[in-house]
């Protein structure tokens, strides 16, 4: 029997979906959310004429250095690999947070729309910005209001898409 709380419902849903099924649904929702996040980010870049961020590539460089894993290739090929790996860190974070959301759903938690969107947004903000902050690539405490809006709006979009997608998977 499900128990209602102010944040949502805890307990098994009506559907007999297993843990792996919810994890896969979470991965799909995370991929959809990542696509929406990228779309909003690219739209912002196009409208404001702002450049792409170099923080994903810096993250790849620092992670490779810390792990003592060289990125192969001459200067041009190595640079191209780093440019390809940078955005993949965001995709991994987005799909990974989606999997966590799916596992939470498998455990029986169904949140209210606003709560789920905000919790998912918080999760993806930590997953995306946490490593860059820990590695010293960025410091959110120094960001301007514009920087925060540029980061929060796409991540809120991600949260809303993931929450909506997961809820759609749960309908009878």
Protein backbone atom coordinates (compact mmCIF):
# COMPACT_ATOMS: atom_id res chain seq x y z
CA UNK A 1 0.00 0.00 0.00
CA UNK A 2 1.32 3.43 -0.91
CA UNK A 3 1.75 6.12 1.73
CA UNK A 4 1.09 9.75 0.82
CA UNK A 5 3.48 12.40 2.15
CA UNK A 6 3.69 16.18 1.54
CA UNK A 7 6.48 15.53 -0.98
CA UNK A 8 4.93 12.61 -2.82
CA UNK A 9 3.93 8.98 -2.48
CA UNK A 10 6.11 6.17 -1.22
CA UNK A 11 5.23 2.60 -2.11
CA UNK A 12 4.91 0.34 -5.10
CA UNK A 13 2.97 1.72 -8.04
CA UNK A 14 0.30 -0.02 -10.04
CA UNK A 15 2.71 -1.37 -12.61
CA UNK A 16 4.88 -4.43 -12.19
CA UNK A 17 8.07 -2.82 -13.49
CA UNK A 18 11.29 -4.14 -11.92
CA UNK A 19 14.39 -2.26 -10.83
CA UNK A 20 16.18 -2.77 -14.14
CA UNK A 21 13.11 -1.60 -16.04
CA UNK A 22 12.96 1.61 -13.99
CA UNK A 23 16.72 2.14 -14.35
CA UNK A 24 16.41 1.86 -18.13
CA UNK A 25 13.41 4.18 -18.15
CA UNK A 26 15.45 6.60 -16.02
CA UNK A 27 18.32 6.42 -18.52
CA UNK A 28 15.91 7.26 -21.34
CA UNK A 29 14.42 10.13 -19.33
CA UNK A 30 17.95 11.37 -18.57
CA UNK A 31 18.82 11.27 -22.27
CA UNK A 32 15.66 13.23 -23.08
CA UNK A 33 16.49 15.73 -20.34
CA UNK A 34 20.06 16.09 -21.62
CA UNK A 35 18.76 16.78 -25.11
CA UNK A 36 16.44 19.47 -23.75
CA UNK A 37 19.25 20.97 -21.66
CA UNK A 38 21.52 21.12 -24.71
CA UNK A 39 18.76 22.67 -26.82
CA UNK A 40 18.14 25.44 -24.27
CA UNK A 41 21.89 26.01 -23.88
CA UNK A 42 22.46 26.28 -27.64
CA UNK A 43 19.44 28.57 -28.00
CA UNK A 44 20.91 30.83 -25.29
CA UNK A 45 24.25 30.86 -27.11
CA UNK A 46 22.55 31.75 -30.40
CA UNK A 47 20.34 34.48 -28.92
CA UNK A 48 23.01 36.16 -26.77
CA UNK A 49 25.94 35.40 -29.05
CA UNK A 50 27.88 33.91 -26.17
CA UNK A 51 30.70 31.43 -26.72
CA UNK A 52 30.68 27.78 -25.78
CA UNK A 53 32.03 26.91 -22.36
CA UNK A 54 35.49 25.40 -22.13
CA UNK A 55 34.82 23.85 -18.70
CA UNK A 56 33.85 20.39 -20.04
CA UNK A 57 37.15 20.11 -21.92
CA UNK A 58 39.07 21.41 -18.90
CA UNK A 59 37.32 18.73 -16.82
CA UNK A 60 38.43 16.00 -19.24
CA UNK A 61 42.01 17.31 -19.13
CA UNK A 62 42.09 17.41 -15.32
CA UNK A 63 40.41 14.01 -14.91
CA UNK A 64 42.85 12.41 -17.36
CA UNK A 65 45.76 14.03 -15.51
CA UNK A 66 44.49 12.92 -12.07
CA UNK A 67 43.87 9.36 -13.35
CA UNK A 68 47.28 9.28 -15.08
CA UNK A 69 45.55 8.34 -18.33
CA UNK A 70 47.07 10.08 -21.34
CA UNK A 71 44.80 11.28 -24.13
CA UNK A 72 46.55 10.00 -27.26
CA UNK A 73 47.28 11.76 -30.52
CA UNK A 74 49.29 14.61 -31.94
CA UNK A 75 48.24 18.12 -30.90
CA UNK A 76 45.33 18.35 -33.35
CA UNK A 77 43.94 14.83 -32.83
CA UNK A 78 44.35 15.08 -29.07
CA UNK A 79 42.53 18.42 -29.05
CA UNK A 80 39.73 16.94 -31.16
CA UNK A 81 39.42 14.01 -28.76
CA UNK A 82 39.19 16.35 -25.77
CA UNK A 83 36.54 18.41 -27.59
CA UNK A 84 34.57 15.22 -28.20
CA UNK A 85 34.97 13.90 -24.66
CA UNK A 86 34.00 17.20 -23.01
CA UNK A 87 30.32 17.16 -23.99
CA UNK A 88 30.17 13.44 -23.24
CA UNK A 89 30.81 14.24 -19.56
CA UNK A 90 27.52 16.17 -19.59
CA UNK A 91 25.70 13.30 -21.27
CA UNK A 92 27.08 10.83 -18.73
CA UNK A 93 25.94 13.11 -15.90
CA UNK A 94 22.49 13.54 -17.46
CA UNK A 95 21.88 9.86 -18.18
CA UNK A 96 23.40 8.92 -14.81
CA UNK A 97 21.07 11.20 -12.88
CA UNK A 98 18.20 9.76 -14.92
CA UNK A 99 19.21 6.25 -13.84
CA UNK A 100 19.23 7.41 -10.20
CA UNK A 101 15.75 8.89 -10.67
CA UNK A 102 14.64 5.56 -12.13
CA UNK A 103 16.08 3.68 -9.15
CA UNK A 104 14.30 6.04 -6.75
CA UNK A 105 11.10 5.35 -8.68
CA UNK A 106 11.78 1.60 -8.44
CA UNK A 107 12.06 2.02 -4.67
CA UNK A 108 8.51 3.36 -4.72
CA UNK A 109 8.92 7.14 -4.45
CA UNK A 110 6.60 9.23 -6.61
CA UNK A 111 7.06 12.95 -6.04
CA UNK A 112 4.76 15.82 -6.79
CA UNK A 113 5.66 17.56 -10.08
CA UNK A 114 7.37 20.64 -8.60
CA UNK A 115 9.20 18.63 -5.93
CA UNK A 116 10.42 16.05 -8.46
CA UNK A 117 11.55 18.73 -10.89
CA UNK A 118 13.48 20.59 -8.19
CA UNK A 119 15.06 17.44 -6.73
CA UNK A 120 16.10 16.24 -10.19
CA UNK A 121 17.45 19.70 -11.04
CA UNK A 122 19.49 19.73 -7.83
CA UNK A 123 20.84 16.26 -8.63
CA UNK A 124 21.96 17.16 -12.12
CA UNK A 125 23.47 20.47 -10.96
CA UNK A 126 25.61 18.56 -8.46
CA UNK A 127 26.49 15.86 -11.01
CA UNK A 128 27.44 18.40 -13.68
CA UNK A 129 29.05 21.17 -11.65
CA UNK A 130 30.35 19.18 -8.68
CA UNK A 131 33.35 17.60 -10.41
CA UNK A 132 34.30 20.90 -12.03
CA UNK A 133 34.11 22.64 -8.67
CA UNK A 134 36.09 19.95 -6.85
CA UNK A 135 38.75 20.02 -9.58
CA UNK A 136 39.04 23.81 -9.23
CA UNK A 137 37.83 24.52 -12.78
CA UNK A 138 34.94 26.69 -11.63
CA UNK A 139 33.70 28.22 -8.40
CA UNK A 140 29.94 28.86 -8.29
CA UNK A 141 30.47 31.28 -5.40
CA UNK A 142 32.08 33.68 -7.89
CA UNK A 143 29.40 33.43 -10.58
CA UNK A 144 27.40 36.50 -11.58
CA UNK A 145 23.60 36.51 -11.65
CA UNK A 146 23.77 36.06 -15.43
CA UNK A 147 26.07 33.06 -15.00
CA UNK A 148 23.63 31.49 -12.54
CA UNK A 149 20.63 32.04 -14.82
CA UNK A 150 22.60 30.63 -17.77
CA UNK A 151 23.28 27.51 -15.71
CA UNK A 152 19.98 27.13 -13.85
CA UNK A 153 17.53 27.54 -16.74
CA UNK A 154 18.90 24.62 -18.81
CA UNK A 155 19.18 22.44 -15.70
CA UNK A 156 15.60 23.29 -14.66
CA UNK A 157 14.54 22.30 -18.17
CA UNK A 158 16.37 19.01 -17.69
CA UNK A 159 14.61 18.45 -14.36
CA UNK A 160 11.17 19.17 -15.84
CA UNK A 161 11.72 16.87 -18.83
CA UNK A 162 13.03 14.00 -16.68
CA UNK A 163 10.16 14.34 -14.18
CA UNK A 164 7.51 14.53 -16.92
CA UNK A 165 9.03 11.57 -18.77
CA UNK A 166 9.21 9.42 -15.65
CA UNK A 167 5.63 10.26 -14.78
CA UNK A 168 4.57 9.29 -18.30
CA UNK A 169 6.19 5.89 -17.83
CA UNK A 170 4.09 5.37 -14.71
CA UNK A 171 0.67 5.99 -16.26
CA UNK A 172 -1.55 2.93 -16.73
